[in-house]
C-alpha atoms as a PDB file:
ATOM      1  CA  MET A   1     -18.162  54.292  39.134  1.00  0.00           C
ATOM      2  CA  GLU A   2     -18.824  57.989  38.872  1.00  0.00           C
ATOM      3  CA  LYS A   3     -18.825  60.539  36.087  1.00  0.00           C
ATOM      4  CA  VAL A   4     -15.981  62.997  36.509  1.00  0.00           C
ATOM      5  CA  ASN A   5     -14.348  66.074  35.064  1.00  0.00           C
ATOM      6  CA  LEU A   6     -10.762  65.488  33.968  1.00  0.00           C
ATOM      7  CA  GLU A   7      -9.580  68.573  35.807  1.00  0.00           C
ATOM      8  CA  ARG A   8      -9.704  66.390  38.909  1.00  0.00           C
ATOM      9  CA  TYR A   9      -6.565  64.609  37.618  1.00  0.00           C
ATOM     10  CA  ARG A  10      -3.040  65.857  36.961  1.00  0.00           C
ATOM     11  CA  ILE A  11      -1.156  63.948  34.275  1.00  0.00           C
ATOM     12  CA  THR A  12       2.300  62.831  35.442  1.00  0.00           C
ATOM     13  CA  GLY A  13       3.548  60.803  32.478  1.00  0.00           C
ATOM     14  CA  ARG A  14       2.793  58.381  29.691  1.00  0.00           C
ATOM     15  CA  LEU A  15       2.344  54.694  30.464  1.00  0.00           C
ATOM     16  CA  GLY A  16       2.020  53.398  26.918  1.00  0.00           C
ATOM     17  CA  SER A  17      -0.237  52.888  23.946  1.00  0.00           C
ATOM     18  CA  GLY A  18      -1.896  49.762  22.611  1.00  0.00           C
ATOM     19  CA  ALA A  19      -4.038  48.947  19.621  1.00  0.00           C
ATOM     20  CA  ASP A  20      -7.049  50.759  21.094  1.00  0.00           C
ATOM     21  CA  TYR A  21      -6.052  52.932  24.044  1.00  0.00           C
ATOM     22  CA  ASP A  22      -3.543  55.643  24.874  1.00  0.00           C
ATOM     23  CA  VAL A  23      -2.718  55.488  28.603  1.00  0.00           C
ATOM     24  CA  ARG A  24      -1.431  58.297  30.818  1.00  0.00           C
ATOM     25  CA  ALA A  25      -0.327  58.181  34.449  1.00  0.00           C
ATOM     26  CA  ALA A  26      -2.063  60.740  36.639  1.00  0.00           C
ATOM     27  CA  VAL A  27      -2.726  61.739  40.223  1.00  0.00           C
ATOM     28  CA  ASP A  28      -6.230  62.151  41.629  1.00  0.00           C
ATOM     29  CA  LEU A  29      -6.088  65.641  43.161  1.00  0.00           C
ATOM     30  CA  GLU A  30      -8.922  64.810  45.566  1.00  0.00           C
ATOM     31  CA  THR A  31      -7.484  61.598  46.993  1.00  0.00           C
ATOM     32  CA  GLY A  32      -3.793  61.698  46.084  1.00  0.00           C
ATOM     33  CA  ASP A  33      -4.081  58.246  44.491  1.00  0.00           C
ATOM     34  CA  GLU A  34      -2.117  57.307  41.389  1.00  0.00           C
ATOM     35  CA  VAL A  35      -4.413  56.373  38.507  1.00  0.00           C
ATOM     36  CA  ALA A  36      -4.337  55.605  34.788  1.00  0.00           C
ATOM     37  CA  LEU A  37      -6.333  57.647  32.261  1.00  0.00           C
ATOM     38  CA  LYS A  38      -7.357  55.690  29.171  1.00  0.00           C
ATOM     39  CA  ARG A  39      -8.643  57.222  25.947  1.00  0.00           C
ATOM     40  CA  PRO A  40      -8.894  55.999  22.334  1.00  0.00           C
ATOM     41  CA  VAL A  41      -5.592  56.201  20.500  1.00  0.00           C
ATOM     42  CA  PRO A  42      -5.313  59.725  19.053  1.00  0.00           C
ATOM     43  CA  GLN A  43      -4.697  58.489  15.500  1.00  0.00           C
ATOM     44  CA  ALA A  44      -8.103  56.796  15.474  1.00  0.00           C
ATOM     45  CA  VAL A  45      -9.821  59.853  16.947  1.00  0.00           C
ATOM     46  CA  SER A  46      -8.271  62.298  14.473  1.00  0.00           C
ATOM     47  CA  ARG A  47      -9.428  60.084  11.577  1.00  0.00           C
ATOM     48  CA  ARG A  48     -12.911  59.640  13.081  1.00  0.00           C
ATOM     49  CA  GLN A  49     -12.298  55.895  13.286  1.00  0.00           C
ATOM     50  CA  HIS A  50     -12.789  55.450  17.023  1.00  0.00           C
ATOM     51  CA  ALA A  51     -16.456  54.383  17.094  1.00  0.00           C
ATOM     52  CA  ALA A  52     -15.507  50.740  17.688  1.00  0.00           C
ATOM     53  CA  ILE A  53     -13.199  51.748  20.547  1.00  0.00           C
ATOM     54  CA  GLU A  54     -15.974  53.831  22.098  1.00  0.00           C
ATOM     55  CA  ALA A  55     -18.284  50.818  21.843  1.00  0.00           C
ATOM     56  CA  ARG A  56     -15.648  48.659  23.515  1.00  0.00           C
ATOM     57  CA  THR A  57     -15.329  51.184  26.341  1.00  0.00           C
ATOM     58  CA  GLY A  58     -19.082  51.040  26.848  1.00  0.00           C
ATOM     59  CA  ARG A  59     -18.988  47.232  27.058  1.00  0.00           C
ATOM     60  CA  LEU A  60     -16.118  47.315  29.562  1.00  0.00           C
ATOM     61  CA  LEU A  61     -17.897  49.774  31.833  1.00  0.00           C
ATOM     62  CA  HIS A  62     -21.180  47.838  31.667  1.00  0.00           C
ATOM     63  CA  ALA A  63     -19.493  44.510  32.387  1.00  0.00           C
ATOM     64  CA  TYR A  64     -17.595  45.996  35.311  1.00  0.00           C
ATOM     65  CA  GLU A  65     -20.850  47.236  36.819  1.00  0.00           C
ATOM     66  CA  ARG A  66     -22.110  43.635  36.716  1.00  0.00           C
ATOM     67  CA  ALA A  67     -18.984  41.631  37.566  1.00  0.00           C
ATOM     68  CA  GLY A  68     -16.673  44.042  39.415  1.00  0.00           C
ATOM     69  CA  ASP A  69     -12.980  43.438  39.958  1.00  0.00           C
ATOM     70  CA  ALA A  70     -13.216  39.714  40.797  1.00  0.00           C
ATOM     71  CA  GLY A  71     -11.657  40.077  44.227  1.00  0.00           C
ATOM     72  CA  GLY A  72      -8.925  42.442  43.081  1.00  0.00           C
ATOM     73  CA  LEU A  73      -7.847  40.434  40.024  1.00  0.00           C
ATOM     74  CA  LEU A  74      -8.943  43.264  37.725  1.00  0.00           C
ATOM     75  CA  ALA A  75      -7.574  46.764  38.272  1.00  0.00           C
ATOM     76  CA  PRO A  76     -10.578  48.793  39.500  1.00  0.00           C
ATOM     77  CA  LEU A  77     -12.472  51.019  37.101  1.00  0.00           C
ATOM     78  CA  LEU A  78     -13.017  54.195  39.103  1.00  0.00           C
ATOM     79  CA  ALA A  79     -14.703  56.783  36.912  1.00  0.00           C
ATOM     80  CA  TYR A  80     -15.424  57.929  33.379  1.00  0.00           C
ATOM     81  CA  THR A  81     -16.221  61.101  31.476  1.00  0.00           C
ATOM     82  CA  GLU A  82     -19.029  62.006  29.188  1.00  0.00           C
ATOM     83  CA  PRO A  83     -17.978  61.845  25.521  1.00  0.00           C
ATOM     84  CA  ALA A  84     -16.452  65.258  24.820  1.00  0.00           C
ATOM     85  CA  VAL A  85     -13.648  67.025  23.001  1.00  0.00           C
ATOM     86  CA  HIS A  86     -10.709  66.818  25.430  1.00  0.00           C
ATOM     87  CA  ASP A  87      -8.137  68.701  23.336  1.00  0.00           C
ATOM     88  CA  ALA A  88      -7.395  71.372  25.940  1.00  0.00           C
ATOM     89  CA  TYR A  89      -6.754  68.788  28.648  1.00  0.00           C
ATOM     90  CA  PHE A  90      -4.439  66.541  26.628  1.00  0.00           C
ATOM     91  CA  GLY A  91      -2.796  69.365  24.682  1.00  0.00           C
ATOM     92  CA  ASP A  92      -3.682  68.183  21.196  1.00  0.00           C
ATOM     93  CA  ALA A  93      -6.101  69.168  18.444  1.00  0.00           C
ATOM     94  CA  LEU A  94      -8.147  66.083  17.611  1.00  0.00           C
ATOM     95  CA  GLY A  95     -11.453  67.936  17.396  1.00  0.00           C
ATOM     96  CA  GLU A  96     -13.626  64.882  18.053  1.00  0.00           C
ATOM     97  CA  PRO A  97     -15.543  63.759  21.153  1.00  0.00           C
ATOM     98  CA  TYR A  98     -14.541  60.588  22.982  1.00  0.00           C
ATOM     99  CA  THR A  99     -14.792  58.967  26.430  1.00  0.00           C
ATOM    100  CA  VAL A 100     -11.933  58.828  28.932  1.00  0.00           C
ATOM    101  CA  PHE A 101     -12.087  56.329  31.766  1.00  0.00           C
ATOM    102  CA  VAL A 102     -10.060  56.203  34.961  1.00  0.00           C
ATOM    103  CA  GLN A 103      -8.522  53.021  36.316  1.00  0.00           C
ATOM    104  CA  GLY A 104      -6.503  52.242  39.407  1.00  0.00           C
ATOM    105  CA  ARG A 105      -2.793  51.639  38.843  1.00  0.00           C
ATOM    106  CA  ALA A 106      -1.877  47.969  38.986  1.00  0.00           C
ATOM    107  CA  PRO A 107       1.052  47.064  41.257  1.00  0.00           C
ATOM    108  CA  GLY A 108       3.942  45.035  39.916  1.00  0.00           C
ATOM    109  CA  ILE A 109       5.380  44.677  36.414  1.00  0.00           C
ATOM    110  CA  PRO A 110       3.614  43.799  33.163  1.00  0.00           C
ATOM    111  CA  LEU A 111       4.353  40.267  32.048  1.00  0.00           C
ATOM    112  CA  LEU A 112       5.148  41.827  28.683  1.00  0.00           C
ATOM    113  CA  GLY A 113       6.684  45.279  28.518  1.00  0.00           C
ATOM    114  CA  ASP A 114       6.162  47.959  25.885  1.00  0.00           C
ATOM    115  CA  MET A 115       7.264  46.461  22.563  1.00  0.00           C
ATOM    116  CA  MET A 116       8.761  49.798  21.495  1.00  0.00           C
ATOM    117  CA  SER A 117      11.232  49.452  24.386  1.00  0.00           C
ATOM    118  CA  ARG A 118      12.495  46.215  22.867  1.00  0.00           C
ATOM    119  CA  ILE A 119      14.261  48.347  20.257  1.00  0.00           C
ATOM    120  CA  THR A 120      16.409  49.881  23.003  1.00  0.00           C
ATOM    121  CA  GLY A 121      17.401  46.471  24.363  1.00  0.00           C
ATOM    122  CA  VAL A 122      14.864  46.079  27.185  1.00  0.00           C
ATOM    123  CA  PRO A 123      14.063  42.370  27.813  1.00  0.00           C
ATOM    124  CA  VAL A 124      10.333  43.021  27.511  1.00  0.00           C
ATOM    125  CA  GLY A 125       9.370  39.336  27.643  1.00  0.00           C
ATOM    126  CA  ALA A 126      11.129  38.658  30.948  1.00  0.00           C
ATOM    127  CA  GLY A 127       7.975  38.538  33.072  1.00  0.00           C
ATOM    128  CA  GLN A 128       6.057  36.253  30.742  1.00  0.00           C
ATOM    129  CA  ASN A 129       8.965  33.824  30.466  1.00  0.00           C
ATOM    130  CA  LEU A 130      10.133  33.854  34.088  1.00  0.00           C
ATOM    131  CA  PHE A 131       6.767  33.613  35.829  1.00  0.00           C
ATOM    132  CA  ALA A 132       4.441  31.868  33.353  1.00  0.00           C
ATOM    133  CA  MET A 133       6.261  29.973  30.599  1.00  0.00           C
ATOM    134  CA  PHE A 134       9.235  28.726  32.652  1.00  0.00           C
ATOM    135  CA  PRO A 135       8.486  29.226  36.378  1.00  0.00           C
ATOM    136  CA  LEU A 136      11.546  27.334  37.571  1.00  0.00           C
ATOM    137  CA  GLU A 137      11.441  28.963  41.009  1.00  0.00           C
ATOM    138  CA  GLN A 138       8.703  30.377  43.234  1.00  0.00           C
ATOM    139  CA  ALA A 139       8.912  33.145  45.784  1.00  0.00           C
ATOM    140  CA  THR A 140       8.849  31.896  49.353  1.00  0.00           C
ATOM    141  CA  GLY A 141       5.294  31.044  50.403  1.00  0.00           C
ATOM    142  CA  VAL A 142       3.769  31.380  46.917  1.00  0.00           C
ATOM    143  CA  PRO A 143       1.960  28.270  45.612  1.00  0.00           C
ATOM    144  CA  PRO A 144       2.826  26.891  42.171  1.00  0.00           C
ATOM    145  CA  PHE A 145       1.455  28.407  38.964  1.00  0.00           C
ATOM    146  CA  PRO A 146      -0.056  31.601  40.402  1.00  0.00           C
ATOM    147  CA  VAL A 147      -0.422  33.349  37.032  1.00  0.00           C
ATOM    148  CA  HIS A 148      -2.433  30.518  35.515  1.00  0.00           C
ATOM    149  CA  HIS A 149      -4.640  29.973  38.539  1.00  0.00           C
ATOM    150  CA  GLN A 150      -5.556  33.628  39.023  1.00  0.00           C
ATOM    151  CA  LEU A 151      -6.309  34.168  35.342  1.00  0.00           C
ATOM    152  CA  LEU A 152      -8.704  31.226  35.543  1.00  0.00           C
ATOM    153  CA  ASP A 153     -10.282  32.684  38.699  1.00  0.00           C
ATOM    154  CA  LEU A 154     -10.875  35.964  36.827  1.00  0.00           C
ATOM    155  CA  GLU A 155     -12.277  34.143  33.813  1.00  0.00           C
ATOM    156  CA  GLN A 156     -14.593  32.112  36.042  1.00  0.00           C
ATOM    157  CA  ALA A 157     -15.896  35.193  37.854  1.00  0.00           C
ATOM    158  CA  TYR A 158     -16.792  36.867  34.563  1.00  0.00           C
ATOM    159  CA  LEU A 159     -18.278  33.656  33.147  1.00  0.00           C
ATOM    160  CA  GLU A 160     -20.639  33.520  36.112  1.00  0.00           C
ATOM    161  CA  ALA A 161     -21.639  37.117  35.302  1.00  0.00           C
ATOM    162  CA  GLY A 162     -22.375  36.154  31.689  1.00  0.00           C
ATOM    163  CA  TYR A 163     -19.114  36.979  29.865  1.00  0.00           C
ATOM    164  CA  ILE A 164     -16.238  35.286  28.095  1.00  0.00           C
ATOM    165  CA  LEU A 165     -12.973  37.230  28.525  1.00  0.00           C
ATOM    166  CA  LEU A 166     -10.699  36.910  25.520  1.00  0.00           C
ATOM    167  CA  ASP A 167      -7.397  38.436  24.452  1.00  0.00           C
ATOM    168  CA  LEU A 168      -5.975  38.536  27.998  1.00  0.00           C
ATOM    169  CA  ARG A 169      -2.475  39.162  26.704  1.00  0.00           C
ATOM    170  CA  PRO A 170       0.605  39.324  28.931  1.00  0.00           C
ATOM    171  CA  GLN A 171       1.060  43.064  28.362  1.00  0.00           C
ATOM    172  CA  ASN A 172      -2.233  43.524  30.227  1.00  0.00           C
ATOM    173  CA  VAL A 173      -1.323  41.310  33.193  1.00  0.00           C
ATOM    174  CA  PHE A 174       0.717  42.867  36.020  1.00  0.00           C
ATOM    175  CA  PHE A 175       2.524  40.604  38.467  1.00  0.00           C
ATOM    176  CA  ARG A 176       3.964  41.106  41.945  1.00  0.00           C
ATOM    177  CA  PRO A 177       6.678  38.435  42.242  1.00  0.00           C
ATOM    178  CA  ALA A 178       6.979  38.481  46.043  1.00  0.00           C
ATOM    179  CA  ALA A 179       3.243  38.019  46.602  1.00  0.00           C
ATOM    180  CA  GLY A 180       2.608  35.917  43.501  1.00  0.00           C
ATOM    181  CA  ARG A 181      -0.401  38.123  42.723  1.00  0.00           C
ATOM    182  CA  ILE A 182      -1.660  39.352  39.371  1.00  0.00           C
ATOM    183  CA  GLN A 183      -3.859  42.264  38.432  1.00  0.00           C
ATOM    184  CA  VAL A 184      -5.255  42.652  34.920  1.00  0.00           C
ATOM    185  CA  ILE A 185      -5.467  46.167  33.488  1.00  0.00           C
ATOM    186  CA  ASP A 186      -7.608  45.398  30.439  1.00  0.00           C
ATOM    187  CA  SER A 187     -10.436  42.891  30.468  1.00  0.00           C
ATOM    188  CA  GLY A 188      -9.776  42.192  26.823  1.00  0.00           C
ATOM    189  CA  ALA A 189     -12.325  41.413  24.167  1.00  0.00           C
ATOM    190  CA  LEU A 190     -15.518  40.873  26.136  1.00  0.00           C
ATOM    191  CA  ALA A 191     -18.142  38.610  24.633  1.00  0.00           C
ATOM    192  CA  GLY A 192     -21.523  37.859  26.129  1.00  0.00           C
ATOM    193  CA  ILE A 193     -22.228  34.151  26.409  1.00  0.00           C
ATOM    194  CA  ASP A 194     -25.351  34.662  24.281  1.00  0.00           C
ATOM    195  CA  ASP A 195     -23.724  36.888  21.659  1.00  0.00           C
ATOM    196  CA  PRO A 196     -24.104  35.754  18.035  1.00  0.00           C
ATOM    197  CA  PRO A 197     -21.065  33.832  16.752  1.00  0.00           C
ATOM    198  CA  PRO A 198     -18.411  35.491  14.620  1.00  0.00           C
ATOM    199  CA  ARG A 199     -18.854  34.798  10.928  1.00  0.00           C
ATOM    200  CA  GLY A 200     -17.751  31.334   9.843  1.00  0.00           C
ATOM    201  CA  ARG A 201     -17.046  29.820  13.270  1.00  0.00           C
ATOM    202  CA  PRO A 202     -18.795  28.444  16.369  1.00  0.00           C
ATOM    203  CA  PRO A 203     -19.987  30.826  19.117  1.00  0.00           C
ATOM    204  CA  LEU A 204     -17.253  32.071  21.405  1.00  0.00           C
ATOM    205  CA  ASP A 205     -17.077  30.092  24.635  1.00  0.00           C
ATOM    206  CA  VAL A 206     -14.822  28.847  27.435  1.00  0.00           C
ATOM    207  CA  ASN A 207     -12.728  26.767  25.054  1.00  0.00           C
ATOM    208  CA  ASP A 208     -11.535  29.848  23.165  1.00  0.00           C
ATOM    209  CA  ALA A 209     -10.255  31.406  26.381  1.00  0.00           C
ATOM    210  CA  CYS A 210      -8.578  28.144  27.410  1.00  0.00           C
ATOM    211  CA  LEU A 211      -6.746  27.963  24.087  1.00  0.00           C
ATOM    212  CA  GLU A 212      -5.508  31.528  24.547  1.00  0.00           C
ATOM    213  CA  LEU A 213      -4.269  30.785  28.052  1.00  0.00           C
ATOM    214  CA  LEU A 214      -2.220  27.862  26.728  1.00  0.00           C
ATOM    215  CA  LYS A 215      -0.821  30.014  23.927  1.00  0.00           C
ATOM    216  CA  PHE A 216       0.171  33.020  26.042  1.00  0.00           C
ATOM    217  CA  TYR A 217       1.155  31.379  29.327  1.00  0.00           C
ATOM    218  CA  ALA A 218       2.232  27.743  28.911  1.00  0.00           C
ATOM    219  CA  THR A 219       4.674  25.684  26.884  1.00  0.00           C
ATOM    220  CA  ALA A 220       6.016  22.144  26.656  1.00  0.00           C
ATOM    221  CA  GLU A 221       9.444  23.469  25.629  1.00  0.00           C
ATOM    222  CA  PRO A 222      12.395  22.768  27.927  1.00  0.00           C
ATOM    223  CA  PRO A 223      13.643  25.834  29.795  1.00  0.00           C
ATOM    224  CA  PRO A 224      16.228  28.036  28.061  1.00  0.00           C
ATOM    225  CA  GLN A 225      19.918  27.297  28.579  1.00  0.00           C
ATOM    226  CA  ASP A 226      20.834  30.913  27.794  1.00  0.00           C
ATOM    227  CA  THR A 227      19.369  34.168  29.124  1.00  0.00           C
ATOM    228  CA  ALA A 228      18.549  35.165  25.540  1.00  0.00           C
ATOM    229  CA  GLY A 229      15.632  32.723  25.753  1.00  0.00           C
ATOM    230  CA  TYR A 230      13.963  34.948  28.357  1.00  0.00           C
ATOM    231  CA  ARG A 231      14.188  38.271  26.487  1.00  0.00           C
ATOM    232  CA  ASP A 232      11.358  38.245  23.962  1.00  0.00           C
ATOM    233  CA  ALA A 233       7.624  37.624  24.016  1.00  0.00           C
ATOM    234  CA  ARG A 234       6.244  34.213  23.076  1.00  0.00           C
ATOM    235  CA  GLY A 235       3.082  33.240  21.260  1.00  0.00           C
ATOM    236  CA  ILE A 236       1.495  36.683  21.097  1.00  0.00           C
ATOM    237  CA  ARG A 237       0.266  36.682  17.514  1.00  0.00           C
ATOM    238  CA  PRO A 238      -3.546  36.413  17.450  1.00  0.00           C
ATOM    239  CA  ILE A 239      -5.352  33.120  16.986  1.00  0.00           C
ATOM    240  CA  VAL A 240      -6.773  33.234  13.470  1.00  0.00           C
ATOM    241  CA  ASN A 241      -7.450  29.558  12.796  1.00  0.00           C
ATOM    242  CA  ILE A 242      -8.285  27.365  15.804  1.00  0.00           C
ATOM    243  CA  GLN A 243      -7.436  24.076  14.072  1.00  0.00           C
ATOM    244  CA  GLN A 244      -4.105  25.425  12.880  1.00  0.00           C
ATOM    245  CA  GLU A 245      -3.289  26.549  16.422  1.00  0.00           C
ATOM    246  CA  LEU A 246      -4.207  23.163  17.880  1.00  0.00           C
ATOM    247  CA  ASN A 247      -2.084  21.362  15.283  1.00  0.00           C
ATOM    248  CA  GLU A 248       0.872  23.591  16.078  1.00  0.00           C
ATOM    249  CA  MET A 249       0.507  22.886  19.802  1.00  0.00           C
ATOM    250  CA  ARG A 250       0.328  19.143  19.132  1.00  0.00           C
ATOM    251  CA  ARG A 251       3.584  19.362  17.193  1.00  0.00           C
ATOM    252  CA  GLY A 252       5.075  21.131  20.212  1.00  0.00           C
ATOM    253  CA  LEU A 253       4.177  18.127  22.377  1.00  0.00           C
ATOM    254  CA  ALA A 254       6.101  15.712  20.159  1.00  0.00           C
ATOM    255  CA  GLY A 255       9.261  14.684  21.960  1.00  0.00           C
ATOM    256  CA  ALA A 256       8.248  16.526  25.139  1.00  0.00           C
ATOM    257  CA  GLY A 257       8.081  13.336  27.193  1.00  0.00           C
ATOM    258  CA  GLU A 258       5.348  10.728  27.563  1.00  0.00           C
ATOM    259  CA  SER A 259       3.558  12.248  30.553  1.00  0.00           C
ATOM    260  CA  VAL A 260       3.704  15.789  29.157  1.00  0.00           C
ATOM    261  CA  ALA A 261       2.419  14.649  25.777  1.00  0.00           C
ATOM    262  CA  THR A 262      -0.390  12.564  27.281  1.00  0.00           C
ATOM    263  CA  TYR A 263      -1.764  15.259  29.569  1.00  0.00           C
ATOM    264  CA  GLY A 264      -1.295  17.994  26.981  1.00  0.00           C
ATOM    265  CA  GLY A 265      -2.872  16.004  24.176  1.00  0.00           C
ATOM    266  CA  ALA A 266      -5.957  15.302  26.294  1.00  0.00           C
ATOM    267  CA  ILE A 267      -6.429  19.033  26.904  1.00  0.00           C
ATOM    268  CA  LEU A 268      -6.113  19.864  23.219  1.00  0.00           C
ATOM    269  CA  ASP A 269      -8.594  17.108  22.317  1.00  0.00           C
ATOM    270  CA  LYS A 270     -11.156  18.568  24.710  1.00  0.00           C
ATOM    271  CA  ILE A 271     -10.677  22.099  23.380  1.00  0.00           C
ATOM    272  CA  GLU A 272     -11.086  20.810  19.820  1.00  0.00           C
ATOM    273  CA  ALA A 273     -14.313  19.041  20.854  1.00  0.00           C
ATOM    274  CA  ARG A 274     -15.376  22.228  22.713  1.00  0.00           C
ATOM    275  CA  ALA A 275     -15.893  20.047  25.771  1.00  0.00           C
ATOM    276  CA  TYR A 276     -15.079  22.556  28.506  1.00  0.00           C
ATOM    277  CA  THR A 277     -18.050  24.424  29.930  1.00  0.00           C
ATOM    278  CA  ASP A 278     -16.310  26.213  32.788  1.00  0.00           C
ATOM    279  CA  TYR A 279     -12.761  26.984  33.904  1.00  0.00           C
ATOM    280  CA  GLN A 280     -12.781  24.658  36.882  1.00  0.00           C
ATOM    281  CA  GLN A 281     -12.952  21.719  34.477  1.00  0.00           C
ATOM    282  CA  PHE A 282     -10.041  23.133  32.499  1.00  0.00           C
ATOM    283  CA  ARG A 283      -7.980  23.756  35.640  1.00  0.00           C
ATOM    284  CA  ALA A 284      -8.491  20.135  36.723  1.00  0.00           C
ATOM    285  CA  ASP A 285      -6.740  19.081  33.498  1.00  0.00           C
ATOM    286  CA  LEU A 286      -4.255  21.964  33.304  1.00  0.00           C
ATOM    287  CA  ASP A 287      -2.683  21.434  36.729  1.00  0.00           C
ATOM    288  CA  PRO A 288      -1.511  17.846  36.087  1.00  0.00           C
ATOM    289  CA  TRP A 289      -0.054  18.973  32.752  1.00  0.00           C
ATOM    290  CA  LEU A 290       1.833  21.905  34.286  1.00  0.00           C
ATOM    291  CA  GLU A 291       3.056  19.634  37.073  1.00  0.00           C
ATOM    292  CA  SER A 292       4.244  17.037  34.555  1.00  0.00           C
ATOM    293  CA  VAL A 293       6.193  19.715  32.648  1.00  0.00           C
ATOM    294  CA  ALA A 294       7.759  20.942  35.912  1.00  0.00           C
ATOM    295  CA  ALA A 295       8.680  17.389  36.980  1.00  0.00           C
ATOM    296  CA  ARG A 296      10.257  16.654  33.603  1.00  0.00           C
ATOM    297  CA  ASN A 297      12.290  19.864  33.806  1.00  0.00           C
ATOM    298  CA  ARG A 298      13.524  19.103  37.337  1.00  0.00           C
ATOM    299  CA  ALA A 299      14.592  15.602  36.299  1.00  0.00           C
ATOM    300  CA  ALA A 300      16.564  16.795  33.275  1.00  0.00           C
ATOM    301  CA  PRO A 301      20.365  16.537  33.588  1.00  0.00           C
ATOM    302  CA  ASP A 302      20.737  20.200  32.607  1.00  0.00           C
ATOM    303  CA  PHE A 303      18.221  21.521  35.137  1.00  0.00           C
ATOM    304  CA  GLN A 304      20.763  23.127  37.478  1.00  0.00           C
ATOM    305  CA  PRO A 305      22.401  25.156  34.664  1.00  0.00           C
ATOM    306  CA  ALA A 306      18.914  26.125  33.455  1.00  0.00           C
ATOM    307  CA  ARG A 307      17.959  27.301  36.933  1.00  0.00           C
ATOM    308  CA  GLN A 308      21.108  29.419  37.120  1.00  0.00           C
ATOM    309  CA  VAL A 309      20.181  31.004  33.778  1.00  0.00           C
ATOM    310  CA  TRP A 310      16.692  31.696  35.192  1.00  0.00           C
ATOM    311  CA  ARG A 311      18.219  33.452  38.211  1.00  0.00           C
ATOM    312  CA  GLU A 312      20.441  35.569  35.970  1.00  0.00           C
ATOM    313  CA  ALA A 313      17.450  36.622  33.859  1.00  0.00           C
ATOM    314  CA  LEU A 314      15.521  37.497  37.044  1.00  0.00           C
ATOM    315  CA  GLN A 315      18.105  40.185  37.786  1.00  0.00           C
ATOM    316  CA  TRP A 316      17.030  42.073  34.662  1.00  0.00           C
ATOM    317  CA  LEU A 317      14.071  43.298  36.696  1.00  0.00           C
ATOM    318  CA  ARG A 318      16.461  45.549  38.628  1.00  0.00           C
ATOM    319  CA  GLY A 319      16.907  47.633  35.458  1.00  0.00           C
ATOM    320  CA  ASP A 320      15.732  51.229  35.078  1.00  0.00           C
ATOM    321  CA  TYR A 321      12.886  50.319  32.707  1.00  0.00           C
ATOM    322  CA  TRP A 322      10.868  48.611  35.438  1.00  0.00           C
ATOM    323  CA  THR A 323      10.998  51.608  37.795  1.00  0.00           C
ATOM    324  CA  ARG A 324       8.209  53.299  35.788  1.00  0.00           C
ATOM    325  CA  PHE A 325       5.804  50.778  37.308  1.00  0.00           C
ATOM    326  CA  GLN A 326       4.674  50.347  40.911  1.00  0.00           C
ATOM    327  CA  PHE A 327       7.466  47.894  41.560  1.00  0.00           C
ATOM    328  CA  ASN A 328      10.296  47.790  44.095  1.00  0.00           C
ATOM    329  CA  ALA A 329      12.886  45.349  42.789  1.00  0.00           C
ATOM    330  CA  GLU A 330      14.742  45.082  46.095  1.00  0.00           C
ATOM    331  CA  THR A 331      11.638  44.022  47.993  1.00  0.00           C
ATOM    332  CA  GLU A 332      10.115  41.866  45.271  1.00  0.00           C
ATOM    333  CA  LEU A 333      13.224  39.906  44.341  1.00  0.00           C
ATOM    334  CA  ALA A 334      14.292  39.376  47.951  1.00  0.00           C
ATOM    335  CA  ALA A 335      11.413  36.892  48.202  1.00  0.00           C
ATOM    336  CA  TYR A 336      13.289  34.441  45.960  1.00  0.00           C
ATOM    337  CA  PRO A 337      15.704  31.987  47.532  1.00  0.00           C
ATOM    338  CA  PRO A 338      19.398  32.855  47.011  1.00  0.00           C
END
């Protein structure tokens, strides 16, 4: 990464705003590449409450120097600025210094769209539901469960560099349906494996990330029988109490079928015992569970109607909302069997 002056970039639009960062689309005037500019949310800056966000930015940049983009699974961090007052560049009057960093644009669609767009009727949860929660079909040539497997590959790469990646929410995961490839645009809440534990709980480790992956990207529920079941996000509230979350997931396994309940219960027992020490161990248990859910769904008498509903929901991705991303619906959706 290099230190840069923001005048190198021309802002072309707004990509969104999260809890910590305001994100603008821009063009690198030296290379012509499309990039994303990330800065602390202006409300925090104007109130002088952005110190924690600045510290998070520092951790992200330092971790990236050590672990990199994990073979393209993380959108590349390209450059950053010195902390400075950037009012003239962004056209506001915040009056406080902060860091801006530059990231490559991720191809594909976010698994969860901008929640503000939900108000206007956009099915923001379509990606999460179609490609992670209920992947009833795969693009030609794409192996099963690509979202889950690549997230675990990213987690493993950062674990080997000394970090636990947490809070990898679907709004930060971009997916190219035709290729079955993800790219993560925010490496979440980084924790060093030797960091002191949060107050009142064990040290953060692999098991916390595994629990989040189950919450955000997997379910024992049968697939929806109506397209409405694909519209909204699932399971995105934060994990506050681990035991409560595990109990809720166990209740979700009740009535899910013997094989699904057996494999799923074994995973939850290991997370509760904090038995996983790396993501390869977790994947060895996760794959049979995902396969058992898929087999149960295929054997259900209402599978063909459910698959037709899935195909109808897939067509939502041809809508205008998704054109703001680096995504060509005609090309990407053509990879799915008719």
